[in-house]
Amino acid sequence: MVNILLCCNEGMSTSFLVKKMQEVAEENGLKVAIRAVSEPNIDTESKEADVILLGPQIAFMRDIIAERLGPRIPIQAINAEDFGRLNASEILKEGLTLIRENRVNEEK
């Protein structure tokens, strides 16, 4: 099972996306746990995360969050257009790709 953490200002806008992403994961038989948190809670809520996807509204905080959490967890901003359209399949695909790439890099 992989853990995807979505993060935005309050965790509310990403909660809609979490539901749609979970539906896509279930339809495709993927074992994925997806949660949404607010940015102030990311330090404590990210311990089990395999990837963190940031809502476009806090994309500017990517480097700050990465510095706080260290290099273990890949962090990336969600494409604003995909976020706005709730393109759950594309966002889920991007998250899984980041996890896969991170695991390959750890093995090197």
PDB file of N, CA and C in Angstrom:
ATOM      1  N   MET A   1       0.842  -1.175   0.000  1.00  0.00           N
ATOM      2  CA  MET A   1       0.000   0.000   0.000  1.00  0.00           C
ATOM      3  C   MET A   1       0.885   1.234   0.000  1.00  0.00           C
ATOM      4  N   VAL A   2       0.522   2.193  -0.836  1.00  0.00           N
ATOM      5  CA  VAL A   2       1.234   3.465  -0.854  1.00  0.00           C
ATOM      6  C   VAL A   2       0.344   4.539  -0.242  1.00  0.00           C
ATOM      7  N   ASN A   3       0.994   5.539   0.326  1.00  0.00           N
ATOM      8  CA  ASN A   3       0.283   6.624   0.996  1.00  0.00           C
ATOM      9  C   ASN A   3       0.546   7.934   0.282  1.00  0.00           C
ATOM     10  N   ILE A   4      -0.536   8.550  -0.176  1.00  0.00           N
ATOM     11  CA  ILE A   4      -0.458   9.838  -0.848  1.00  0.00           C
ATOM     12  C   ILE A   4      -1.091  10.874   0.058  1.00  0.00           C
ATOM     13  N   LEU A   5      -0.371  11.958   0.275  1.00  0.00           N
ATOM     14  CA  LEU A   5      -0.859  13.033   1.122  1.00  0.00           C
ATOM     15  C   LEU A   5      -1.054  14.276   0.269  1.00  0.00           C
ATOM     16  N   LEU A   6      -2.282  14.801   0.269  1.00  0.00           N
ATOM     17  CA  LEU A   6      -2.571  16.048  -0.424  1.00  0.00           C
ATOM     18  C   LEU A   6      -2.583  17.153   0.617  1.00  0.00           C
ATOM     19  N   CYS A   7      -2.062  18.292   0.256  1.00  0.00           N
ATOM     20  CA  CYS A   7      -1.953  19.389   1.206  1.00  0.00           C
ATOM     21  C   CYS A   7      -2.371  20.701   0.555  1.00  0.00           C
ATOM     22  N   CYS A   8      -3.187  21.465   1.290  1.00  0.00           N
ATOM     23  CA  CYS A   8      -3.555  22.809   0.849  1.00  0.00           C
ATOM     24  C   CYS A   8      -3.642  23.703   2.078  1.00  0.00           C
ATOM     25  N   ASN A   9      -4.170  24.890   1.923  1.00  0.00           N
ATOM     26  CA  ASN A   9      -4.236  25.824   3.049  1.00  0.00           C
ATOM     27  C   ASN A   9      -4.974  25.238   4.244  1.00  0.00           C
ATOM     28  N   GLU A  10      -6.164  24.755   4.019  1.00  0.00           N
ATOM     29  CA  GLU A  10      -7.000  24.249   5.107  1.00  0.00           C
ATOM     30  C   GLU A  10      -7.326  22.762   4.980  1.00  0.00           C
ATOM     31  N   GLY A  11      -6.949  22.136   3.885  1.00  0.00           N
ATOM     32  CA  GLY A  11      -7.266  20.727   3.674  1.00  0.00           C
ATOM     33  C   GLY A  11      -8.664  20.506   3.137  1.00  0.00           C
ATOM     34  N   MET A  12      -9.386  21.589   2.871  1.00  0.00           N
ATOM     35  CA  MET A  12     -10.773  21.455   2.431  1.00  0.00           C
ATOM     36  C   MET A  12     -10.895  21.261   0.923  1.00  0.00           C
ATOM     37  N   SER A  13     -10.192  22.069   0.148  1.00  0.00           N
ATOM     38  CA  SER A  13     -10.314  21.933  -1.307  1.00  0.00           C
ATOM     39  C   SER A  13      -9.746  20.600  -1.780  1.00  0.00           C
ATOM     40  N   THR A  14      -8.719  20.116  -1.098  1.00  0.00           N
ATOM     41  CA  THR A  14      -8.145  18.832  -1.502  1.00  0.00           C
ATOM     42  C   THR A  14      -9.005  17.656  -1.057  1.00  0.00           C
ATOM     43  N   SER A  15      -9.887  17.855  -0.089  1.00  0.00           N
ATOM     44  CA  SER A  15     -10.716  16.733   0.371  1.00  0.00           C
ATOM     45  C   SER A  15     -11.651  16.247  -0.734  1.00  0.00           C
ATOM     46  N   PHE A  16     -12.131  17.150  -1.583  1.00  0.00           N
ATOM     47  CA  PHE A  16     -12.951  16.743  -2.730  1.00  0.00           C
ATOM     48  C   PHE A  16     -12.132  15.876  -3.674  1.00  0.00           C
ATOM     49  N   LEU A  17     -10.908  16.277  -3.886  1.00  0.00           N
ATOM     50  CA  LEU A  17     -10.017  15.554  -4.782  1.00  0.00           C
ATOM     51  C   LEU A  17      -9.675  14.179  -4.221  1.00  0.00           C
ATOM     52  N   VAL A  18      -9.486  14.084  -2.913  1.00  0.00           N
ATOM     53  CA  VAL A  18      -9.189  12.797  -2.279  1.00  0.00           C
ATOM     54  C   VAL A  18     -10.269  11.785  -2.619  1.00  0.00           C
ATOM     55  N   LYS A  19     -11.513  12.181  -2.479  1.00  0.00           N
ATOM     56  CA  LYS A  19     -12.629  11.264  -2.750  1.00  0.00           C
ATOM     57  C   LYS A  19     -12.592  10.767  -4.193  1.00  0.00           C
ATOM     58  N   LYS A  20     -12.388  11.670  -5.128  1.00  0.00           N
ATOM     59  CA  LYS A  20     -12.339  11.272  -6.538  1.00  0.00           C
ATOM     60  C   LYS A  20     -11.129  10.380  -6.825  1.00  0.00           C
ATOM     61  N   MET A  21      -9.987  10.701  -6.218  1.00  0.00           N
ATOM     62  CA  MET A  21      -8.787   9.870  -6.419  1.00  0.00           C
ATOM     63  C   MET A  21      -8.986   8.475  -5.847  1.00  0.00           C
ATOM     64  N   GLN A  22      -9.643   8.376  -4.700  1.00  0.00           N
ATOM     65  CA  GLN A  22      -9.907   7.064  -4.112  1.00  0.00           C
ATOM     66  C   GLN A  22     -10.819   6.241  -5.015  1.00  0.00           C
ATOM     67  N   GLU A  23     -11.797   6.885  -5.616  1.00  0.00           N
ATOM     68  CA  GLU A  23     -12.688   6.186  -6.549  1.00  0.00           C
ATOM     69  C   GLU A  23     -11.900   5.638  -7.735  1.00  0.00           C
ATOM     70  N   VAL A  24     -11.009   6.445  -8.286  1.00  0.00           N
ATOM     71  CA  VAL A  24     -10.183   6.007  -9.423  1.00  0.00           C
ATOM     72  C   VAL A  24      -9.290   4.840  -9.001  1.00  0.00           C
ATOM     73  N   ALA A  25      -8.685   4.944  -7.821  1.00  0.00           N
ATOM     74  CA  ALA A  25      -7.813   3.873  -7.335  1.00  0.00           C
ATOM     75  C   ALA A  25      -8.599   2.574  -7.177  1.00  0.00           C
ATOM     76  N   GLU A  26      -9.783   2.648  -6.587  1.00  0.00           N
ATOM     77  CA  GLU A  26     -10.606   1.450  -6.404  1.00  0.00           C
ATOM     78  C   GLU A  26     -11.016   0.842  -7.739  1.00  0.00           C
ATOM     79  N   GLU A  27     -11.405   1.692  -8.685  1.00  0.00           N
ATOM     80  CA  GLU A  27     -11.805   1.208 -10.019  1.00  0.00           C
ATOM     81  C   GLU A  27     -10.663   0.465 -10.710  1.00  0.00           C
ATOM     82  N   ASN A  28      -9.432   0.841 -10.383  1.00  0.00           N
ATOM     83  CA  ASN A  28      -8.266   0.226 -11.014  1.00  0.00           C
ATOM     84  C   ASN A  28      -7.568  -0.798 -10.129  1.00  0.00           C
ATOM     85  N   GLY A  29      -8.181  -1.144  -9.008  1.00  0.00           N
ATOM     86  CA  GLY A  29      -7.627  -2.163  -8.125  1.00  0.00           C
ATOM     87  C   GLY A  29      -6.309  -1.776  -7.481  1.00  0.00           C
ATOM     88  N   LEU A  30      -6.108  -0.489  -7.265  1.00  0.00           N
ATOM     89  CA  LEU A  30      -4.856  -0.015  -6.669  1.00  0.00           C
ATOM     90  C   LEU A  30      -4.988   0.085  -5.155  1.00  0.00           C
ATOM     91  N   LYS A  31      -3.950  -0.334  -4.454  1.00  0.00           N
ATOM     92  CA  LYS A  31      -3.928  -0.242  -2.998  1.00  0.00           C
ATOM     93  C   LYS A  31      -3.250   1.067  -2.616  1.00  0.00           C
ATOM     94  N   VAL A  32      -4.080   2.086  -2.456  1.00  0.00           N
ATOM     95  CA  VAL A  32      -3.583   3.432  -2.206  1.00  0.00           C
ATOM     96  C   VAL A  32      -4.391   4.053  -1.075  1.00  0.00           C
ATOM     97  N   ALA A  33      -3.699   4.631  -0.117  1.00  0.00           N
ATOM     98  CA  ALA A  33      -4.350   5.417   0.935  1.00  0.00           C
ATOM     99  C   ALA A  33      -4.091   6.881   0.607  1.00  0.00           C
ATOM    100  N   ILE A  34      -5.151   7.664   0.546  1.00  0.00           N
ATOM    101  CA  ILE A  34      -5.030   9.068   0.169  1.00  0.00           C
ATOM    102  C   ILE A  34      -5.714   9.902   1.252  1.00  0.00           C
ATOM    103  N   ARG A  35      -4.988  10.919   1.723  1.00  0.00           N
ATOM    104  CA  ARG A  35      -5.540  11.809   2.748  1.00  0.00           C
ATOM    105  C   ARG A  35      -5.243  13.253   2.384  1.00  0.00           C
ATOM    106  N   ALA A  36      -6.039  14.147   2.958  1.00  0.00           N
ATOM    107  CA  ALA A  36      -5.817  15.582   2.783  1.00  0.00           C
ATOM    108  C   ALA A  36      -5.560  16.209   4.146  1.00  0.00           C
ATOM    109  N   VAL A  37      -4.596  17.119   4.187  1.00  0.00           N
ATOM    110  CA  VAL A  37      -4.279  17.841   5.424  1.00  0.00           C
ATOM    111  C   VAL A  37      -4.047  19.309   5.100  1.00  0.00           C
ATOM    112  N   SER A  38      -4.134  20.117   6.126  1.00  0.00           N
ATOM    113  CA  SER A  38      -3.804  21.530   5.977  1.00  0.00           C
ATOM    114  C   SER A  38      -2.294  21.702   6.125  1.00  0.00           C
ATOM    115  N   GLU A  39      -1.763  22.728   5.522  1.00  0.00           N
ATOM    116  CA  GLU A  39      -0.317  22.950   5.547  1.00  0.00           C
ATOM    117  C   GLU A  39       0.258  23.002   6.964  1.00  0.00           C
ATOM    118  N   PRO A  40      -0.402  23.656   7.937  1.00  0.00           N
ATOM    119  CA  PRO A  40       0.180  23.686   9.282  1.00  0.00           C
ATOM    120  C   PRO A  40       0.344  22.301   9.925  1.00  0.00           C
ATOM    121  N   ASN A  41      -0.406  21.308   9.449  1.00  0.00           N
ATOM    122  CA  ASN A  41      -0.339  19.961  10.023  1.00  0.00           C
ATOM    123  C   ASN A  41       0.549  19.003   9.243  1.00  0.00           C
ATOM    124  N   ILE A  42       1.175  19.473   8.205  1.00  0.00           N
ATOM    125  CA  ILE A  42       1.921  18.566   7.331  1.00  0.00           C
ATOM    126  C   ILE A  42       3.117  17.919   8.032  1.00  0.00           C
ATOM    127  N   ASP A  43       3.751  18.633   8.949  1.00  0.00           N
ATOM    128  CA  ASP A  43       4.916  18.064   9.633  1.00  0.00           C
ATOM    129  C   ASP A  43       4.561  16.794  10.391  1.00  0.00           C
ATOM    130  N   THR A  44       3.460  16.802  11.103  1.00  0.00           N
ATOM    131  CA  THR A  44       3.073  15.628  11.892  1.00  0.00           C
ATOM    132  C   THR A  44       2.325  14.586  11.064  1.00  0.00           C
ATOM    133  N   GLU A  45       1.624  15.022  10.038  1.00  0.00           N
ATOM    134  CA  GLU A  45       0.799  14.106   9.245  1.00  0.00           C
ATOM    135  C   GLU A  45       1.553  13.414   8.111  1.00  0.00           C
ATOM    136  N   SER A  46       2.792  13.792   7.873  1.00  0.00           N
ATOM    137  CA  SER A  46       3.513  13.270   6.714  1.00  0.00           C
ATOM    138  C   SER A  46       4.388  12.057   7.024  1.00  0.00           C
ATOM    139  N   LYS A  47       4.399  11.600   8.248  1.00  0.00           N
ATOM    140  CA  LYS A  47       5.309  10.526   8.646  1.00  0.00           C
ATOM    141  C   LYS A  47       5.135   9.239   7.832  1.00  0.00           C
ATOM    142  N   GLU A  48       3.933   8.925   7.421  1.00  0.00           N
ATOM    143  CA  GLU A  48       3.664   7.705   6.655  1.00  0.00           C
ATOM    144  C   GLU A  48       3.561   7.950   5.156  1.00  0.00           C
ATOM    145  N   ALA A  49       3.674   9.201   4.741  1.00  0.00           N
ATOM    146  CA  ALA A  49       3.460   9.543   3.337  1.00  0.00           C
ATOM    147  C   ALA A  49       4.595   9.045   2.447  1.00  0.00           C
ATOM    148  N   ASP A  50       4.225   8.559   1.266  1.00  0.00           N
ATOM    149  CA  ASP A  50       5.190   8.183   0.241  1.00  0.00           C
ATOM    150  C   ASP A  50       5.391   9.318  -0.759  1.00  0.00           C
ATOM    151  N   VAL A  51       4.418  10.230  -0.829  1.00  0.00           N
ATOM    152  CA  VAL A  51       4.499  11.405  -1.685  1.00  0.00           C
ATOM    153  C   VAL A  51       3.563  12.459  -1.113  1.00  0.00           C
ATOM    154  N   ILE A  52       3.936  13.713  -1.329  1.00  0.00           N
ATOM    155  CA  ILE A  52       3.080  14.827  -0.929  1.00  0.00           C
ATOM    156  C   ILE A  52       2.793  15.654  -2.167  1.00  0.00           C
ATOM    157  N   LEU A  53       1.503  15.859  -2.410  1.00  0.00           N
ATOM    158  CA  LEU A  53       1.068  16.667  -3.540  1.00  0.00           C
ATOM    159  C   LEU A  53       0.427  17.937  -2.985  1.00  0.00           C
ATOM    160  N   LEU A  54       0.947  19.072  -3.399  1.00  0.00           N
ATOM    161  CA  LEU A  54       0.485  20.349  -2.891  1.00  0.00           C
ATOM    162  C   LEU A  54      -0.570  20.956  -3.801  1.00  0.00           C
ATOM    163  N   GLY A  55      -1.610  21.512  -3.186  1.00  0.00           N
ATOM    164  CA  GLY A  55      -2.592  22.264  -3.950  1.00  0.00           C
ATOM    165  C   GLY A  55      -1.925  23.465  -4.595  1.00  0.00           C
ATOM    166  N   PRO A  56      -2.386  23.876  -5.769  1.00  0.00           N
ATOM    167  CA  PRO A  56      -1.749  24.986  -6.474  1.00  0.00           C
ATOM    168  C   PRO A  56      -1.654  26.269  -5.643  1.00  0.00           C
ATOM    169  N   GLN A  57      -2.594  26.470  -4.726  1.00  0.00           N
ATOM    170  CA  GLN A  57      -2.591  27.686  -3.931  1.00  0.00           C
ATOM    171  C   GLN A  57      -1.419  27.760  -2.952  1.00  0.00           C
ATOM    172  N   ILE A  58      -0.758  26.634  -2.679  1.00  0.00           N
ATOM    173  CA  ILE A  58       0.434  26.670  -1.816  1.00  0.00           C
ATOM    174  C   ILE A  58       1.676  26.144  -2.548  1.00  0.00           C
ATOM    175  N   ALA A  59       1.615  26.104  -3.855  1.00  0.00           N
ATOM    176  CA  ALA A  59       2.761  25.633  -4.638  1.00  0.00           C
ATOM    177  C   ALA A  59       4.015  26.434  -4.329  1.00  0.00           C
ATOM    178  N   PHE A  60       3.851  27.712  -4.011  1.00  0.00           N
ATOM    179  CA  PHE A  60       5.001  28.565  -3.701  1.00  0.00           C
ATOM    180  C   PHE A  60       5.733  28.112  -2.442  1.00  0.00           C
ATOM    181  N   MET A  61       5.103  27.248  -1.630  1.00  0.00           N
ATOM    182  CA  MET A  61       5.706  26.768  -0.382  1.00  0.00           C
ATOM    183  C   MET A  61       6.473  25.460  -0.556  1.00  0.00           C
ATOM    184  N   ARG A  62       6.551  24.960  -1.780  1.00  0.00           N
ATOM    185  CA  ARG A  62       7.161  23.654  -2.012  1.00  0.00           C
ATOM    186  C   ARG A  62       8.558  23.542  -1.410  1.00  0.00           C
ATOM    187  N   ASP A  63       9.423  24.483  -1.693  1.00  0.00           N
ATOM    188  CA  ASP A  63      10.798  24.404  -1.194  1.00  0.00           C
ATOM    189  C   ASP A  63      10.866  24.525   0.325  1.00  0.00           C
ATOM    190  N   ILE A  64      10.016  25.346   0.894  1.00  0.00           N
ATOM    191  CA  ILE A  64       9.979  25.505   2.357  1.00  0.00           C
ATOM    192  C   ILE A  64       9.550  24.201   3.019  1.00  0.00           C
ATOM    193  N   ILE A  65       8.514  23.589   2.491  1.00  0.00           N
ATOM    194  CA  ILE A  65       8.024  22.325   3.042  1.00  0.00           C
ATOM    195  C   ILE A  65       9.070  21.230   2.845  1.00  0.00           C
ATOM    196  N   ALA A  66       9.688  21.180   1.679  1.00  0.00           N
ATOM    197  CA  ALA A  66      10.721  20.174   1.403  1.00  0.00           C
ATOM    198  C   ALA A  66      11.877  20.309   2.377  1.00  0.00           C
ATOM    199  N   GLU A  67      12.251  21.524   2.682  1.00  0.00           N
ATOM    200  CA  GLU A  67      13.341  21.746   3.633  1.00  0.00           C
ATOM    201  C   GLU A  67      12.950  21.263   5.029  1.00  0.00           C
ATOM    202  N   ARG A  68      11.722  21.523   5.430  1.00  0.00           N
ATOM    203  CA  ARG A  68      11.248  21.087   6.751  1.00  0.00           C
ATOM    204  C   ARG A  68      11.185  19.570   6.860  1.00  0.00           C
ATOM    205  N   LEU A  69      10.754  18.901   5.791  1.00  0.00           N
ATOM    206  CA  LEU A  69      10.527  17.453   5.859  1.00  0.00           C
ATOM    207  C   LEU A  69      11.730  16.617   5.449  1.00  0.00           C
ATOM    208  N   GLY A  70      12.670  17.216   4.771  1.00  0.00           N
ATOM    209  CA  GLY A  70      13.844  16.469   4.341  1.00  0.00           C
ATOM    210  C   GLY A  70      13.622  15.779   3.012  1.00  0.00           C
ATOM    211  N   PRO A  71      14.650  15.073   2.537  1.00  0.00           N
ATOM    212  CA  PRO A  71      14.625  14.515   1.184  1.00  0.00           C
ATOM    213  C   PRO A  71      13.881  13.187   1.026  1.00  0.00           C
ATOM    214  N   ARG A  72      13.429  12.577   2.103  1.00  0.00           N
ATOM    215  CA  ARG A  72      12.814  11.253   2.024  1.00  0.00           C
ATOM    216  C   ARG A  72      11.532  11.224   1.191  1.00  0.00           C
ATOM    217  N   ILE A  73      10.746  12.278   1.266  1.00  0.00           N
ATOM    218  CA  ILE A  73       9.428  12.287   0.639  1.00  0.00           C
ATOM    219  C   ILE A  73       9.435  13.221  -0.567  1.00  0.00           C
ATOM    220  N   PRO A  74       9.102  12.713  -1.753  1.00  0.00           N
ATOM    221  CA  PRO A  74       8.986  13.618  -2.895  1.00  0.00           C
ATOM    222  C   PRO A  74       7.778  14.543  -2.712  1.00  0.00           C
ATOM    223  N   ILE A  75       7.967  15.799  -3.064  1.00  0.00           N
ATOM    224  CA  ILE A  75       6.919  16.807  -2.922  1.00  0.00           C
ATOM    225  C   ILE A  75       6.777  17.528  -4.250  1.00  0.00           C
ATOM    226  N   GLN A  76       5.530  17.649  -4.691  1.00  0.00           N
ATOM    227  CA  GLN A  76       5.298  18.325  -5.961  1.00  0.00           C
ATOM    228  C   GLN A  76       3.957  19.039  -5.914  1.00  0.00           C
ATOM    229  N   ALA A  77       3.877  20.171  -6.582  1.00  0.00           N
ATOM    230  CA  ALA A  77       2.616  20.890  -6.713  1.00  0.00           C
ATOM    231  C   ALA A  77       1.750  20.213  -7.766  1.00  0.00           C
ATOM    232  N   ILE A  78       0.475  20.170  -7.506  1.00  0.00           N
ATOM    233  CA  ILE A  78      -0.490  19.628  -8.457  1.00  0.00           C
ATOM    234  C   ILE A  78      -0.691  20.664  -9.565  1.00  0.00           C
ATOM    235  N   ASN A  79      -0.729  20.198 -10.785  1.00  0.00           N
ATOM    236  CA  ASN A  79      -1.008  21.062 -11.924  1.00  0.00           C
ATOM    237  C   ASN A  79      -2.336  21.789 -11.680  1.00  0.00           C
ATOM    238  N   ALA A  80      -2.331  23.112 -11.823  1.00  0.00           N
ATOM    239  CA  ALA A  80      -3.510  23.926 -11.511  1.00  0.00           C
ATOM    240  C   ALA A  80      -4.727  23.542 -12.353  1.00  0.00           C
ATOM    241  N   GLU A  81      -4.504  23.242 -13.622  1.00  0.00           N
ATOM    242  CA  GLU A  81      -5.624  22.867 -14.483  1.00  0.00           C
ATOM    243  C   GLU A  81      -6.215  21.525 -14.037  1.00  0.00           C
ATOM    244  N   ASP A  82      -5.368  20.544 -13.748  1.00  0.00           N
ATOM    245  CA  ASP A  82      -5.859  19.242 -13.261  1.00  0.00           C
ATOM    246  C   ASP A  82      -6.594  19.409 -11.937  1.00  0.00           C
ATOM    247  N   PHE A  83      -6.056  20.259 -11.076  1.00  0.00           N
ATOM    248  CA  PHE A  83      -6.681  20.501  -9.775  1.00  0.00           C
ATOM    249  C   PHE A  83      -8.058  21.133  -9.961  1.00  0.00           C
ATOM    250  N   GLY A  84      -8.123  22.153 -10.786  1.00  0.00           N
ATOM    251  CA  GLY A  84      -9.382  22.856 -11.013  1.00  0.00           C
ATOM    252  C   GLY A  84     -10.456  21.975 -11.638  1.00  0.00           C
ATOM    253  N   ARG A  85     -10.039  21.051 -12.464  1.00  0.00           N
ATOM    254  CA  ARG A  85     -10.987  20.147 -13.130  1.00  0.00           C
ATOM    255  C   ARG A  85     -11.219  18.855 -12.347  1.00  0.00           C
ATOM    256  N   LEU A  86     -10.565  18.748 -11.177  1.00  0.00           N
ATOM    257  CA  LEU A  86     -10.615  17.523 -10.370  1.00  0.00           C
ATOM    258  C   LEU A  86     -10.256  16.304 -11.220  1.00  0.00           C
ATOM    259  N   ASN A  87      -9.189  16.434 -11.981  1.00  0.00           N
ATOM    260  CA  ASN A  87      -8.718  15.358 -12.855  1.00  0.00           C
ATOM    261  C   ASN A  87      -7.994  14.312 -11.994  1.00  0.00           C
ATOM    262  N   ALA A  88      -8.776  13.561 -11.259  1.00  0.00           N
ATOM    263  CA  ALA A  88      -8.247  12.617 -10.272  1.00  0.00           C
ATOM    264  C   ALA A  88      -7.333  11.571 -10.887  1.00  0.00           C
ATOM    265  N   SER A  89      -7.665  11.072 -12.058  1.00  0.00           N
ATOM    266  CA  SER A  89      -6.840  10.015 -12.644  1.00  0.00           C
ATOM    267  C   SER A  89      -5.443  10.526 -12.979  1.00  0.00           C
ATOM    268  N   GLU A  90      -5.347  11.738 -13.512  1.00  0.00           N
ATOM    269  CA  GLU A  90      -4.038  12.291 -13.870  1.00  0.00           C
ATOM    270  C   GLU A  90      -3.221  12.618 -12.618  1.00  0.00           C
ATOM    271  N   ILE A  91      -3.871  13.151 -11.601  1.00  0.00           N
ATOM    272  CA  ILE A  91      -3.171  13.501 -10.367  1.00  0.00           C
ATOM    273  C   ILE A  91      -2.707  12.239  -9.647  1.00  0.00           C
ATOM    274  N   LEU A  92      -3.531  11.209  -9.632  1.00  0.00           N
ATOM    275  CA  LEU A  92      -3.143   9.936  -9.031  1.00  0.00           C
ATOM    276  C   LEU A  92      -1.958   9.339  -9.792  1.00  0.00           C
ATOM    277  N   LYS A  93      -2.031   9.374 -11.101  1.00  0.00           N
ATOM    278  CA  LYS A  93      -0.931   8.866 -11.935  1.00  0.00           C
ATOM    279  C   LYS A  93       0.365   9.601 -11.618  1.00  0.00           C
ATOM    280  N   GLU A  94       0.307  10.909 -11.510  1.00  0.00           N
ATOM    281  CA  GLU A  94       1.493  11.711 -11.203  1.00  0.00           C
ATOM    282  C   GLU A  94       2.068  11.339  -9.839  1.00  0.00           C
ATOM    283  N   GLY A  95       1.188  11.171  -8.849  1.00  0.00           N
ATOM    284  CA  GLY A  95       1.650  10.781  -7.516  1.00  0.00           C
ATOM    285  C   GLY A  95       2.329   9.424  -7.521  1.00  0.00           C
ATOM    286  N   LEU A  96       1.740   8.467  -8.197  1.00  0.00           N
ATOM    287  CA  LEU A  96       2.318   7.121  -8.258  1.00  0.00           C
ATOM    288  C   LEU A  96       3.653   7.124  -9.016  1.00  0.00           C
ATOM    289  N   THR A  97       3.756   7.942 -10.049  1.00  0.00           N
ATOM    290  CA  THR A  97       5.007   8.063 -10.792  1.00  0.00           C
ATOM    291  C   THR A  97       6.105   8.624  -9.897  1.00  0.00           C
ATOM    292  N   LEU A  98       5.782   9.647  -9.121  1.00  0.00           N
ATOM    293  CA  LEU A  98       6.772  10.223  -8.199  1.00  0.00           C
ATOM    294  C   LEU A  98       7.240   9.202  -7.170  1.00  0.00           C
ATOM    295  N   ILE A  99       6.322   8.402  -6.664  1.00  0.00           N
ATOM    296  CA  ILE A  99       6.686   7.363  -5.693  1.00  0.00           C
ATOM    297  C   ILE A  99       7.629   6.360  -6.342  1.00  0.00           C
ATOM    298  N   ARG A 100       7.275   5.902  -7.529  1.00  0.00           N
ATOM    299  CA  ARG A 100       8.094   4.922  -8.242  1.00  0.00           C
ATOM    300  C   ARG A 100       9.495   5.472  -8.507  1.00  0.00           C
ATOM    301  N   GLU A 101       9.569   6.709  -8.987  1.00  0.00           N
ATOM    302  CA  GLU A 101      10.865   7.326  -9.275  1.00  0.00           C
ATOM    303  C   GLU A 101      11.696   7.481  -7.999  1.00  0.00           C
ATOM    304  N   ASN A 102      11.060   7.850  -6.909  1.00  0.00           N
ATOM    305  CA  ASN A 102      11.766   8.023  -5.650  1.00  0.00           C
ATOM    306  C   ASN A 102      12.327   6.689  -5.147  1.00  0.00           C
ATOM    307  N   ARG A 103      11.561   5.626  -5.303  1.00  0.00           N
ATOM    308  CA  ARG A 103      12.020   4.304  -4.858  1.00  0.00           C
ATOM    309  C   ARG A 103      13.190   3.820  -5.695  1.00  0.00           C
ATOM    310  N   VAL A 104      13.149   4.091  -6.994  1.00  0.00           N
ATOM    311  CA  VAL A 104      14.267   3.701  -7.862  1.00  0.00           C
ATOM    312  C   VAL A 104      15.516   4.469  -7.461  1.00  0.00           C
ATOM    313  N   ASN A 105      15.376   5.752  -7.178  1.00  0.00           N
ATOM    314  CA  ASN A 105      16.523   6.570  -6.773  1.00  0.00           C
ATOM    315  C   ASN A 105      17.088   6.125  -5.429  1.00  0.00           C
ATOM    316  N   GLU A 106      16.241   5.665  -4.519  1.00  0.00           N
ATOM    317  CA  GLU A 106      16.716   5.189  -3.210  1.00  0.00           C
ATOM    318  C   GLU A 106      17.524   3.919  -3.353  1.00  0.00           C
ATOM    319  N   GLU A 107      17.191   3.088  -4.345  1.00  0.00           N
ATOM    320  CA  GLU A 107      17.891   1.824  -4.554  1.00  0.00           C
ATOM    321  C   GLU A 107      19.282   2.035  -5.145  1.00  0.00           C
ATOM    322  N   LYS A 108      19.508   3.182  -5.741  1.00  0.00           N
ATOM    323  CA  LYS A 108      20.803   3.455  -6.386  1.00  0.00           C
ATOM    324  C   LYS A 108      21.857   3.789  -5.375  1.00  0.00           C
TER     325      LYS A 108
END
